[in-house]
Protein backbone atom coordinates (compact mmCIF):
# COMPACT_ATOMS: atom_id res chain seq x y z
CA MET A 1 211.32 204.87 107.22
CA GLU A 2 211.37 201.52 108.99
CA LEU A 3 207.80 200.16 107.87
CA LEU A 4 207.86 201.82 103.68
CA ARG A 5 211.01 199.08 103.64
CA GLU A 6 209.55 196.15 104.99
CA ARG A 7 206.75 196.55 103.40
CA LEU A 8 208.16 197.12 99.99
CA ILE A 9 210.98 194.25 101.34
CA GLU A 10 207.20 191.85 101.55
CA CYS A 11 205.72 192.78 98.36
CA GLY A 12 209.37 191.70 96.37
CA TRP A 13 209.99 195.50 95.21
CA LYS A 14 213.22 195.13 96.60
CA ASP A 15 214.24 192.55 94.57
CA GLU A 16 212.02 194.19 91.35
CA MET A 17 214.15 197.39 91.72
CA LYS A 18 216.82 195.57 91.72
CA ALA A 19 216.82 193.48 88.83
CA LEU A 20 215.98 196.78 86.85
CA CYS A 21 219.73 197.62 88.16
CA ARG A 22 221.07 193.99 87.10
CA ALA A 23 219.51 194.60 83.53
CA PHE A 24 220.21 198.52 82.89
CA ILE A 25 223.44 197.57 83.77
CA LYS A 26 224.05 194.27 80.91
CA LYS A 27 222.35 196.67 79.06
CA LYS A 28 225.25 199.58 79.83
CA GLY A 29 228.61 197.69 80.51
CA ARG A 30 230.24 197.49 84.03
CA SER A 31 232.15 199.92 83.65
CA ASN A 32 229.50 202.14 81.43
CA VAL A 33 227.62 202.85 84.25
CA THR A 34 227.03 205.34 87.37
CA VAL A 35 225.11 205.69 90.58
CA ASP A 36 223.92 208.98 88.19
CA ASP A 37 222.54 206.89 86.21
CA LEU A 38 221.39 204.15 87.87
CA VAL A 39 218.80 206.68 89.66
CA HIS A 40 217.93 208.72 86.92
CA VAL A 41 216.93 205.71 85.03
CA ILE A 42 215.23 203.55 87.70
CA THR A 43 213.80 206.46 90.05
CA PRO A 44 210.92 206.90 88.19
CA LYS A 45 210.21 203.78 87.23
CA GLY A 46 210.50 202.65 91.69
CA ARG A 47 208.56 205.39 93.20
CA ALA A 48 206.12 204.38 89.76
CA SER A 49 206.05 200.10 91.26
CA VAL A 50 205.33 200.68 95.06
CA PRO A 51 202.00 199.24 95.86
CA ASP A 52 199.20 201.36 96.06
CA SER A 53 198.58 198.69 99.19
CA VAL A 54 201.23 200.40 100.71
CA LYS A 55 201.21 203.49 99.77
CA ALA A 56 197.82 203.96 101.47
CA GLU A 57 198.68 201.95 104.69
CA LEU A 58 201.37 204.55 104.94
CA LEU A 59 199.85 207.07 104.17
CA GLN A 60 196.45 206.41 106.56
CA ARG A 61 198.82 205.94 109.63
CA ILE A 62 200.73 209.81 108.82
CA ARG A 63 197.54 211.59 109.49
CA ALA A 64 196.90 209.13 113.06
CA PHE A 65 200.37 211.04 113.25
CA LEU A 66 199.22 214.14 112.91
CA VAL A 67 195.91 213.77 114.89
CA GLN A 68 197.54 212.49 117.77
CA ALA A 69 199.96 214.84 117.47
CA SER A 70 197.96 217.76 117.20
CA VAL A 71 196.38 216.56 120.29
């Protein structure tokens, strides 16, 4: 999880998600937005915008771990 967090910060994903949240809150009004609203709107965009390079690196590390653990 720490590796994922680091990679997402490095590629600017975290800042992008923060900006999307702020834009949504500004559009709807601070008092009209719940955490559930944010999660519902931002989650699909967040998942879709994770760079392929980050996904590939994590998949490679998971596979290597599984191979090593099965020995």
